[in-house]
């Protein structure tokens, strides 16, 4: 998809037009369409209510146009997220009409910044156009879609500014799409070595360093928790370290990103049922998000230092696999009683956060993982669960999510919850029982963060994958929380 900003475009130059309208203002400067809108309103077929869509074909200036009217509701209630959600519905309707040269009329409101609207519309359009059809043999070649973002709000004086925001929206979308593609790849194609290769390719294309540790080097670091999970698989584990130094004058000021990288999770000897296994290629959604976010951050040349770490492996069953009842060590030296081999992600992440805080010397860590089914039960596919040791870090991140639309909710981390993960025969146990599962999982990982380092755990088990299509999210990997991580880092650049 190619998107550009224009302040006007002749009707004869395009195949279709999407026009967004508020309930209070259904007037346009095109008489033919105004007459049609008036008729539709009088016959109760279109009134501008939020989510309302009406399509028709009309001869304008000698050209047959597919026109889609999109209702945005009341102007005072408009948000960037509402624009993204509703524009997605209208664009999907336009795709059904097989038009590949279209105009999307800018949302006309004084309640939001024009450039920010253009950026949000760009993200909505690009993500709504996403399909993962790599393995279909009967697919037809996809045509490039050309979108002109047009409107009287885009005056000549701000066209260049709008273009900059469109370009930013396109880069963000590419990072999200990168994450979606990685998650959607089947596990027989996307195993640890291939994930490492994808990180290397992204680093080369976008401008960040990548170092990959093999099993021997991982062992030399003392990452026994990580290797215990990995040893049941014939696929060699990889520790993937990505480094981007956008602020070379302050190299000691570093943000850490850690992503869970289970390229497949069978549950190990605490084996999952078949229905629980079939989407476990997505258990590296956190890793995919880190690669996607690093790609956007580096591509946009943000003046911030960011380190990304992924402990990539499979959790499989074999004669070498770890077992319930095992006691294992960790890079931090803490011992762990394994009560459930399907609570494996926190073990790999324990060593990953130890590594990033002690070896890469980051000041803060945001860790993202498809960690617990409890998060999905509690918050559904709408909201990411958060556990933190630093309220200011969480507050800063939450403010960003209110802008991006990637909802997050903090769970409590009272001292009583930590008692649930203490073991009678080791320092910790890897599950805390049925209750408060998302909280205890986040607190477990936090036990391995070096003292004094701010830590934010994001459980994206519900938000990184969707079984059914949603507005601007196809079924499969969603790319959450690439957008929020990028905007968070961008805010850091501005501080």
Protein backbone atom coordinates (compact mmCIF):
# COMPACT_ATOMS: atom_id res chain seq x y z
CA UNK A 1 0.00 0.00 0.00
CA UNK A 2 1.20 3.50 -0.87
CA UNK A 3 -0.30 6.50 0.89
CA UNK A 4 0.21 10.16 0.11
CA UNK A 5 -1.36 13.46 1.13
CA UNK A 6 -3.03 15.83 -1.32
CA UNK A 7 -5.21 18.85 -0.64
CA UNK A 8 -7.50 18.01 -3.57
CA UNK A 9 -7.88 15.34 -6.22
CA UNK A 10 -10.16 15.24 -9.22
CA UNK A 11 -12.91 12.62 -9.04
CA UNK A 12 -11.99 11.43 -12.52
CA UNK A 13 -8.57 10.28 -11.26
CA UNK A 14 -9.72 7.59 -8.82
CA UNK A 15 -11.92 4.49 -8.58
CA UNK A 16 -13.37 4.90 -5.10
CA UNK A 17 -13.77 7.36 -2.25
CA UNK A 18 -14.26 6.89 1.50
CA UNK A 19 -15.94 9.86 3.17
CA UNK A 20 -16.13 10.11 6.97
CA UNK A 21 -18.98 12.16 8.41
CA UNK A 22 -20.24 13.25 11.81
CA UNK A 23 -23.90 13.17 12.75
CA UNK A 24 -24.02 16.94 13.15
CA UNK A 25 -22.37 17.71 9.82
CA UNK A 26 -23.38 15.72 6.76
CA UNK A 27 -22.62 18.55 4.33
CA UNK A 28 -20.02 18.22 1.56
CA UNK A 29 -18.87 20.55 -1.19
CA UNK A 30 -19.86 18.09 -3.91
CA UNK A 31 -23.52 18.77 -4.85
CA UNK A 32 -24.22 15.31 -6.29
CA UNK A 33 -23.14 13.57 -3.09
CA UNK A 34 -24.92 16.10 -0.89
CA UNK A 35 -28.17 15.32 -2.68
CA UNK A 36 -27.62 11.59 -2.12
CA UNK A 37 -26.78 12.08 1.58
CA UNK A 38 -29.91 14.16 2.08
CA UNK A 39 -31.99 11.40 0.49
CA UNK A 40 -30.32 8.70 2.62
CA UNK A 41 -30.95 10.68 5.80
CA UNK A 42 -34.61 11.26 4.91
CA UNK A 43 -35.08 7.53 4.26
CA UNK A 44 -33.23 6.50 7.45
CA UNK A 45 -30.49 4.74 5.48
CA UNK A 46 -27.58 6.87 6.70
CA UNK A 47 -27.39 9.37 9.53
CA UNK A 48 -23.69 9.45 10.44
CA UNK A 49 -23.98 7.27 13.54
CA UNK A 50 -20.73 5.67 14.63
CA UNK A 51 -19.86 2.61 12.56
CA UNK A 52 -22.63 3.21 10.03
CA UNK A 53 -21.57 2.43 6.45
CA UNK A 54 -23.43 3.03 3.22
CA UNK A 55 -21.97 2.40 -0.24
CA UNK A 56 -23.24 3.40 -3.66
CA UNK A 57 -22.00 4.06 -7.17
CA UNK A 58 -22.29 7.47 -8.80
CA UNK A 59 -21.23 9.21 -11.99
CA UNK A 60 -19.22 12.28 -10.96
CA UNK A 61 -17.42 14.43 -13.52
CA UNK A 62 -17.91 11.68 -16.09
CA UNK A 63 -16.31 9.00 -13.96
CA UNK A 64 -18.10 6.09 -12.26
CA UNK A 65 -17.11 6.17 -8.58
CA UNK A 66 -17.66 3.75 -5.71
CA UNK A 67 -18.58 5.98 -2.79
CA UNK A 68 -18.50 4.74 0.81
CA UNK A 69 -20.02 6.92 3.51
CA UNK A 70 -18.67 6.25 7.00
CA UNK A 71 -20.42 7.47 10.13
CA UNK A 72 -18.21 8.61 13.02
CA UNK A 73 -20.96 9.54 15.47
CA UNK A 74 -20.88 12.76 17.45
CA UNK A 75 -17.90 15.01 16.82
CA UNK A 76 -17.28 15.72 20.51
CA UNK A 77 -16.86 11.98 21.14
CA UNK A 78 -14.25 11.39 18.45
CA UNK A 79 -10.88 9.82 19.31
CA UNK A 80 -7.98 8.56 17.22
CA UNK A 81 -8.88 4.99 18.15
CA UNK A 82 -12.47 5.46 16.97
CA UNK A 83 -11.13 6.75 13.67
CA UNK A 84 -8.88 3.69 13.29
CA UNK A 85 -11.62 1.21 14.17
CA UNK A 86 -14.29 2.69 11.91
CA UNK A 87 -12.03 3.48 8.97
CA UNK A 88 -10.93 -0.16 9.04
CA UNK A 89 -14.52 -1.27 8.46
CA UNK A 90 -14.94 1.13 5.55
CA UNK A 91 -11.65 0.13 3.95
CA UNK A 92 -12.53 -3.56 4.12
CA UNK A 93 -15.76 -2.72 2.30
CA UNK A 94 -13.74 -0.87 -0.34
CA UNK A 95 -11.45 -3.91 -0.74
CA UNK A 96 -14.50 -6.04 -1.54
CA UNK A 97 -15.18 -3.67 -4.45
CA UNK A 98 -11.65 -4.42 -5.77
CA UNK A 99 -10.58 -0.79 -6.12
CA UNK A 100 -6.84 -0.16 -5.96
CA UNK A 101 -6.72 3.63 -6.50
CA UNK A 102 -8.79 5.39 -3.89
CA UNK A 103 -9.24 8.64 -2.03
CA UNK A 104 -9.77 8.61 1.71
CA UNK A 105 -11.19 11.93 2.78
CA UNK A 106 -9.51 13.31 5.90
CA UNK A 107 -11.66 13.36 9.01
CA UNK A 108 -12.70 16.99 9.30
CA UNK A 109 -12.64 18.09 12.95
CA UNK A 110 -11.03 20.72 15.14
CA UNK A 111 -11.03 18.34 18.11
CA UNK A 112 -7.91 16.47 16.97
CA UNK A 113 -4.67 17.49 15.28
CA UNK A 114 -4.79 17.03 11.50
CA UNK A 115 -1.35 15.39 11.35
CA UNK A 116 -2.22 12.97 14.15
CA UNK A 117 -5.43 12.06 12.32
CA UNK A 118 -3.41 11.33 9.17
CA UNK A 119 -1.04 9.08 11.14
CA UNK A 120 -3.90 7.17 12.77
CA UNK A 121 -5.68 6.75 9.43
CA UNK A 122 -2.46 5.45 7.86
CA UNK A 123 -2.01 2.82 10.57
CA UNK A 124 -5.64 1.75 10.23
CA UNK A 125 -5.43 1.43 6.45
CA UNK A 126 -2.13 -0.46 6.36
CA UNK A 127 -3.08 -2.90 9.11
CA UNK A 128 -6.53 -3.45 7.61
CA UNK A 129 -4.85 -4.37 4.33
CA UNK A 130 -2.75 -7.08 6.03
CA UNK A 131 -3.16 -10.72 5.05
CA UNK A 132 -0.96 -13.72 5.86
CA UNK A 133 -1.32 -15.90 2.78
CA UNK A 134 2.29 -17.00 2.31
CA UNK A 135 1.44 -20.70 2.23
CA UNK A 136 -1.63 -20.54 -0.04
CA UNK A 137 -0.92 -22.02 -3.46
CA UNK A 138 -3.97 -20.66 -5.28
CA UNK A 139 -3.55 -17.01 -4.31
CA UNK A 140 -3.69 -14.30 -6.94
CA UNK A 141 -0.92 -11.69 -7.11
CA UNK A 142 -1.88 -8.75 -4.91
CA UNK A 143 -2.03 -5.36 -6.52
CA UNK A 144 -0.52 -2.34 -4.83
CA UNK A 145 -3.23 -0.10 -3.42
CA UNK A 146 -2.73 3.63 -3.94
CA UNK A 147 -4.38 5.83 -1.34
CA UNK A 148 -4.64 9.59 -1.58
CA UNK A 149 -5.45 11.17 1.76
CA UNK A 150 -7.36 14.23 0.68
CA UNK A 151 -9.38 17.00 2.23
CA UNK A 152 -9.77 20.70 2.67
CA UNK A 153 -8.02 20.41 6.05
CA UNK A 154 -4.80 19.56 4.19
CA UNK A 155 -3.80 23.04 3.08
CA UNK A 156 -0.71 23.56 0.93
CA UNK A 157 1.15 24.90 3.96
CA UNK A 158 0.83 21.64 5.92
CA UNK A 159 0.98 18.99 3.17
CA UNK A 160 4.64 18.29 3.98
CA UNK A 161 3.88 17.95 7.70
CA UNK A 162 1.01 15.58 7.00
CA UNK A 163 3.29 13.52 4.75
CA UNK A 164 5.80 13.19 7.61
CA UNK A 165 3.10 11.81 9.90
CA UNK A 166 1.88 9.48 7.16
CA UNK A 167 5.43 8.17 6.74
CA UNK A 168 5.73 7.65 10.49
CA UNK A 169 2.44 5.75 10.48
CA UNK A 170 3.71 3.58 7.65
CA UNK A 171 6.93 2.74 9.53
CA UNK A 172 4.97 1.85 12.68
CA UNK A 173 2.68 -0.34 10.60
CA UNK A 174 5.64 -2.13 9.02
CA UNK A 175 6.97 -2.93 12.50
CA UNK A 176 3.59 -4.29 13.56
CA UNK A 177 3.33 -6.31 10.35
CA UNK A 178 6.83 -7.70 10.95
CA UNK A 179 5.67 -8.93 14.37
CA UNK A 180 2.46 -10.37 12.90
CA UNK A 181 4.37 -12.24 10.21
CA UNK A 182 6.76 -13.77 12.74
CA UNK A 183 3.90 -14.94 14.97
CA UNK A 184 1.89 -16.32 12.05
CA UNK A 185 4.74 -18.46 10.73
CA UNK A 186 4.26 -22.15 11.61
CA UNK A 187 6.62 -23.61 14.21
CA UNK A 188 8.22 -25.98 11.71
CA UNK A 189 9.41 -22.89 9.83
CA UNK A 190 9.95 -20.45 12.72
CA UNK A 191 12.24 -22.17 15.23
CA UNK A 192 14.97 -20.48 17.35
CA UNK A 193 17.62 -20.38 14.64
CA UNK A 194 15.17 -18.88 12.13
CA UNK A 195 13.95 -16.32 14.67
CA UNK A 196 17.57 -15.29 15.21
CA UNK A 197 18.03 -14.97 11.44
CA UNK A 198 14.94 -12.75 11.25
CA UNK A 199 16.40 -10.50 13.95
CA UNK A 200 19.67 -10.27 12.01
CA UNK A 201 17.82 -9.35 8.81
CA UNK A 202 15.77 -6.71 10.64
CA UNK A 203 18.92 -5.27 12.20
CA UNK A 204 20.63 -5.06 8.83
CA UNK A 205 17.61 -3.40 7.19
CA UNK A 206 16.74 -0.99 10.00
CA UNK A 207 20.07 -0.17 11.64
CA UNK A 208 20.64 -2.02 14.91
CA UNK A 209 23.30 -4.49 16.04
CA UNK A 210 22.44 -8.16 16.60
CA UNK A 211 24.49 -10.73 18.52
CA UNK A 212 23.34 -14.34 18.73
CA UNK A 213 24.60 -16.67 21.49
CA UNK A 214 24.63 -20.40 20.80
CA UNK A 215 24.00 -23.11 23.38
CA UNK A 216 27.63 -23.20 24.51
CA UNK A 217 27.74 -19.46 25.19
CA UNK A 218 24.35 -19.59 26.91
CA UNK A 219 25.69 -22.30 29.19
CA UNK A 220 28.83 -20.28 29.90
CA UNK A 221 26.60 -17.46 31.15
CA UNK A 222 25.03 -19.85 33.67
CA UNK A 223 21.54 -19.69 32.15
CA UNK A 224 20.41 -23.02 33.56
CA UNK A 225 16.73 -22.05 33.81
CA UNK A 226 16.63 -21.17 30.10
CA UNK A 227 18.54 -24.30 29.08
CA UNK A 228 16.36 -26.54 31.25
CA UNK A 229 13.33 -25.55 29.18
CA UNK A 230 15.24 -25.87 25.91
CA UNK A 231 16.86 -29.27 26.42
CA UNK A 232 13.76 -31.30 25.51
CA UNK A 233 13.94 -30.09 21.90
CA UNK A 234 16.26 -31.05 19.06
CA UNK A 235 16.26 -27.39 18.02
CA UNK A 236 19.18 -25.49 19.53
CA UNK A 237 18.25 -22.52 21.73
CA UNK A 238 19.45 -19.04 20.83
CA UNK A 239 19.95 -15.97 22.98
CA UNK A 240 19.29 -13.01 20.69
CA UNK A 241 20.67 -9.64 21.78
CA UNK A 242 19.77 -6.50 19.80
CA UNK A 243 21.48 -3.19 20.51
CA UNK A 244 20.49 0.23 19.23
CA UNK A 245 22.46 3.27 20.39
CA UNK A 246 20.63 6.34 19.20
CA UNK A 247 22.08 8.50 21.99
CA UNK A 248 25.80 7.80 21.80
CA UNK A 249 26.61 10.71 24.13
CA UNK A 250 24.73 8.99 26.98
CA UNK A 251 25.46 5.31 26.39
CA UNK A 252 24.89 4.43 30.04
CA UNK A 253 21.24 5.49 29.79
CA UNK A 254 19.57 2.35 28.40
CA UNK A 255 16.07 0.94 28.15
CA UNK A 256 15.74 -2.84 28.03
CA UNK A 257 13.11 -4.78 26.10
CA UNK A 258 12.70 -8.49 26.80
CA UNK A 259 10.38 -10.75 24.82
CA UNK A 260 9.34 -14.32 25.47
CA UNK A 261 10.65 -16.44 22.61
CA UNK A 262 9.01 -19.87 22.86
CA UNK A 263 8.76 -20.68 19.16
CA UNK A 264 6.64 -23.67 20.15
CA UNK A 265 5.23 -24.76 23.50
CA UNK A 266 3.86 -28.27 23.87
CA UNK A 267 3.70 -27.81 27.63
CA UNK A 268 6.47 -30.34 28.13
CA UNK A 269 5.61 -33.21 30.46
CA UNK A 270 2.79 -31.06 31.85
CA UNK A 271 1.42 -31.48 28.35
CA UNK A 272 -1.24 -29.25 26.87
CA UNK A 273 -4.45 -30.65 25.33
CA UNK A 274 -4.64 -30.56 21.53
CA UNK A 275 -6.80 -27.43 21.48
CA UNK A 276 -4.25 -25.72 23.71
CA UNK A 277 -1.36 -26.66 21.43
CA UNK A 278 -2.62 -25.63 18.02
CA UNK A 279 -1.90 -21.91 18.47
CA UNK A 280 1.33 -22.34 20.42
CA UNK A 281 3.38 -21.13 17.49
CA UNK A 282 2.26 -17.76 18.89
CA UNK A 283 4.11 -18.25 22.18
CA UNK A 284 6.89 -16.07 20.79
CA UNK A 285 4.58 -13.07 20.45
CA UNK A 286 6.71 -11.11 22.92
CA UNK A 287 9.86 -11.83 20.94
CA UNK A 288 8.14 -10.82 17.71
CA UNK A 289 7.01 -7.56 19.32
CA UNK A 290 10.56 -6.76 20.46
CA UNK A 291 11.93 -7.32 16.95
CA UNK A 292 9.11 -5.24 15.46
CA UNK A 293 9.59 -2.42 17.96
CA UNK A 294 13.38 -2.39 17.57
CA UNK A 295 12.86 -2.16 13.81
CA UNK A 296 10.66 0.95 14.07
CA UNK A 297 12.84 2.60 16.73
CA UNK A 298 15.98 2.17 14.64
CA UNK A 299 14.31 3.04 11.34
CA UNK A 300 13.01 6.28 12.84
CA UNK A 301 16.49 6.99 14.28
CA UNK A 302 15.18 7.84 17.73
CA UNK A 303 17.83 9.41 19.97
CA UNK A 304 17.47 6.78 22.69
CA UNK A 305 19.52 3.69 23.61
CA UNK A 306 17.50 0.48 23.55
CA UNK A 307 18.62 -3.11 24.15
CA UNK A 308 16.39 -6.03 23.15
CA UNK A 309 16.85 -9.58 24.47
CA UNK A 310 15.09 -12.80 23.47
CA UNK A 311 15.71 -16.24 24.95
CA UNK A 312 14.46 -18.38 22.05
CA UNK A 313 13.75 -22.09 22.39
CA UNK A 314 11.07 -24.79 22.15
CA UNK A 315 9.38 -26.54 25.08
CA UNK A 316 9.15 -30.17 24.02
CA UNK A 317 9.02 -33.71 25.41
CA UNK A 318 11.94 -36.14 25.17
CA UNK A 319 14.23 -38.23 27.32
CA UNK A 320 16.29 -35.10 27.92
CA UNK A 321 13.38 -32.83 28.86
CA UNK A 322 13.04 -31.31 32.30
CA UNK A 323 10.37 -32.78 34.56
CA UNK A 324 7.90 -31.72 37.24
CA UNK A 325 9.71 -31.95 40.56
CA UNK A 326 13.12 -30.95 39.20
CA UNK A 327 15.11 -28.31 41.01
CA UNK A 328 17.12 -26.08 38.70
CA UNK A 329 19.39 -23.10 39.11
CA UNK A 330 19.45 -19.81 37.21
CA UNK A 331 21.84 -17.15 35.97
CA UNK A 332 21.06 -15.15 39.11
CA UNK A 333 22.05 -18.14 41.26
CA UNK A 334 18.56 -18.61 42.67
CA UNK A 335 17.16 -22.13 42.75
CA UNK A 336 13.74 -23.00 41.37
CA UNK A 337 11.45 -25.92 42.08
CA UNK A 338 9.68 -26.90 38.85
CA UNK A 339 6.09 -27.84 39.67
CA UNK A 340 4.74 -27.43 36.15
CA UNK A 341 6.75 -27.67 32.92
CA UNK A 342 4.05 -25.66 31.15
CA UNK A 343 5.03 -22.65 33.26
CA UNK A 344 8.21 -22.50 31.19
CA UNK A 345 8.14 -18.96 29.86
CA UNK A 346 8.91 -17.42 33.22
CA UNK A 347 11.99 -19.65 33.49
CA UNK A 348 13.44 -18.46 30.19
CA UNK A 349 12.50 -14.88 31.05
CA UNK A 350 14.13 -15.14 34.49
CA UNK A 351 17.51 -15.66 32.86
CA UNK A 352 16.77 -13.10 30.13
CA UNK A 353 16.02 -10.30 32.59
CA UNK A 354 19.05 -11.26 34.68
CA UNK A 355 21.21 -11.04 31.58
CA UNK A 356 19.86 -7.70 30.38
CA UNK A 357 20.15 -6.05 33.80
CA UNK A 358 23.59 -7.41 34.75
CA UNK A 359 25.39 -7.70 31.41
CA UNK A 360 23.76 -5.01 29.26
CA UNK A 361 23.38 -2.66 32.24
CA UNK A 362 19.93 -1.30 31.38
CA UNK A 363 18.25 1.15 33.76
CA UNK A 364 14.71 -0.03 33.06
CA UNK A 365 13.14 -3.18 31.65
CA UNK A 366 9.86 -3.67 29.84
CA UNK A 367 9.23 -7.39 29.41
CA UNK A 368 6.42 -8.70 27.23
CA UNK A 369 5.21 -12.27 27.08
CA UNK A 370 2.29 -14.49 26.18
CA UNK A 371 2.60 -15.83 29.68
CA UNK A 372 -0.64 -16.93 31.35
CA UNK A 373 -4.07 -18.14 30.38
CA UNK A 374 -5.19 -16.36 33.54
CA UNK A 375 -4.58 -13.01 31.82
CA UNK A 376 -6.91 -14.02 28.99
CA UNK A 377 -9.57 -15.17 31.47
CA UNK A 378 -9.33 -11.95 33.49
CA UNK A 379 -9.02 -9.34 30.74
CA UNK A 380 -9.94 -11.09 27.50
CA UNK A 381 -8.41 -10.19 24.13
CA UNK A 382 -8.91 -6.47 24.73
CA UNK A 383 -6.47 -5.59 27.49
CA UNK A 384 -2.87 -6.42 28.40
CA UNK A 385 -2.16 -7.23 32.05
CA UNK A 386 0.68 -5.41 33.79
CA UNK A 387 2.72 -6.07 36.93
CA UNK A 388 5.40 -3.59 37.98
CA UNK A 389 7.82 -2.57 40.71
CA UNK A 390 7.76 1.06 39.58
CA UNK A 391 4.49 3.02 39.50
CA UNK A 392 6.01 5.89 37.51
CA UNK A 393 7.18 3.53 34.75
CA UNK A 394 3.72 1.98 34.52
CA UNK A 395 2.01 5.38 34.54
CA UNK A 396 4.23 6.58 31.69
CA UNK A 397 3.50 3.47 29.67
CA UNK A 398 -0.25 3.59 30.34
CA UNK A 399 -0.44 7.18 29.10
CA UNK A 400 1.12 6.04 25.83
CA UNK A 401 -1.41 3.20 25.44
CA UNK A 402 -4.27 5.67 25.78
CA UNK A 403 -2.86 7.31 22.65
CA UNK A 404 -2.19 4.08 20.71
CA UNK A 405 -5.38 2.25 21.72
CA UNK A 406 -3.44 -0.79 23.02
CA UNK A 407 -5.19 -1.03 26.38
CA UNK A 408 -3.30 -2.05 29.54
CA UNK A 409 -4.36 -2.62 33.14
CA UNK A 410 -2.15 -2.89 36.22
CA UNK A 411 -2.67 -5.79 38.60
CA UNK A 412 -1.74 -5.51 42.29
CA UNK A 413 1.65 -6.73 43.50
CA UNK A 414 1.16 -6.85 47.27
CA UNK A 415 3.82 -8.69 49.33
CA UNK A 416 1.33 -11.46 50.13
CA UNK A 417 1.43 -12.59 46.49
CA UNK A 418 5.17 -13.20 46.68
CA UNK A 419 4.57 -15.72 49.45
CA UNK A 420 2.73 -17.87 46.91
CA UNK A 421 5.88 -18.48 44.84
CA UNK A 422 8.18 -19.42 47.73
CA UNK A 423 9.26 -23.06 47.79
CA UNK A 424 9.83 -25.28 50.80
CA UNK A 425 12.86 -26.95 49.20
CA UNK A 426 14.24 -24.25 46.87
CA UNK A 427 14.31 -20.46 46.72
CA UNK A 428 11.26 -20.24 44.47
CA UNK A 429 8.71 -22.42 42.71
CA UNK A 430 7.58 -21.78 39.17
CA UNK A 431 3.83 -21.71 39.88
CA UNK A 432 1.91 -20.25 42.78
CA UNK A 433 -1.26 -22.31 42.55
CA UNK A 434 -4.62 -21.59 40.92
CA UNK A 435 -5.12 -18.16 42.42
CA UNK A 436 -3.66 -14.89 41.10
CA UNK A 437 -1.79 -16.70 38.33
CA UNK A 438 -0.99 -13.65 36.23
CA UNK A 439 0.25 -11.73 39.25
CA UNK A 440 2.49 -14.49 40.60
CA UNK A 441 3.96 -15.11 37.14
CA UNK A 442 4.94 -11.45 36.79
CA UNK A 443 6.32 -11.32 40.32
CA UNK A 444 8.35 -14.48 39.68
CA UNK A 445 10.13 -12.82 36.73
CA UNK A 446 10.61 -9.67 38.78
CA UNK A 447 12.60 -11.69 41.35
CA UNK A 448 15.40 -11.96 38.78
CA UNK A 449 15.67 -8.26 37.93
CA UNK A 450 18.74 -6.65 39.47
CA UNK A 451 18.03 -4.44 42.48
CA UNK A 452 17.35 -0.82 41.61
CA UNK A 453 16.16 -1.50 38.05
CA UNK A 454 12.60 -0.43 37.22
CA UNK A 455 10.61 -3.36 35.82
CA UNK A 456 7.34 -3.55 33.91
CA UNK A 457 5.89 -6.95 33.00
CA UNK A 458 3.28 -7.05 30.22
CA UNK A 459 1.26 -10.26 29.90
CA UNK A 460 0.06 -10.20 26.30
CA UNK A 461 -1.44 -13.70 26.31
CA UNK A 462 -4.84 -12.26 25.44
CA UNK A 463 -3.81 -9.40 23.18
CA UNK A 464 -1.00 -10.80 20.99
CA UNK A 465 -3.33 -13.23 19.19
CA UNK A 466 -6.93 -13.22 18.05
CA UNK A 467 -8.87 -16.21 16.75
CA UNK A 468 -11.36 -13.99 14.91
CA UNK A 469 -10.79 -10.85 12.83
CA UNK A 470 -11.12 -7.53 14.63
CA UNK A 471 -10.99 -3.95 13.31
CA UNK A 472 -7.54 -3.48 11.73
CA UNK A 473 -6.50 -6.89 13.12
CA UNK A 474 -6.70 -10.01 10.98
CA UNK A 475 -7.11 -13.38 12.70
CA UNK A 476 -3.75 -14.54 14.06
CA UNK A 477 -0.93 -12.43 15.44
CA UNK A 478 -1.87 -8.84 16.25
CA UNK A 479 1.54 -7.21 16.70
CA UNK A 480 0.64 -5.89 20.16
CA UNK A 481 2.42 -4.00 21.77
CA UNK A 482 4.78 -2.75 19.02
CA UNK A 483 2.96 0.56 18.61
CA UNK A 484 2.99 1.38 22.32
CA UNK A 485 6.64 0.41 22.79
CA UNK A 486 7.64 2.68 19.90
CA UNK A 487 5.60 5.61 21.20
CA UNK A 488 6.98 5.04 24.72
CA UNK A 489 10.55 5.23 23.42
CA UNK A 490 9.67 8.27 21.29
CA UNK A 491 8.37 10.03 24.42
CA UNK A 492 11.71 9.25 26.10
CA UNK A 493 13.47 10.98 23.22
CA UNK A 494 11.43 14.11 23.90
CA UNK A 495 12.18 14.21 27.63
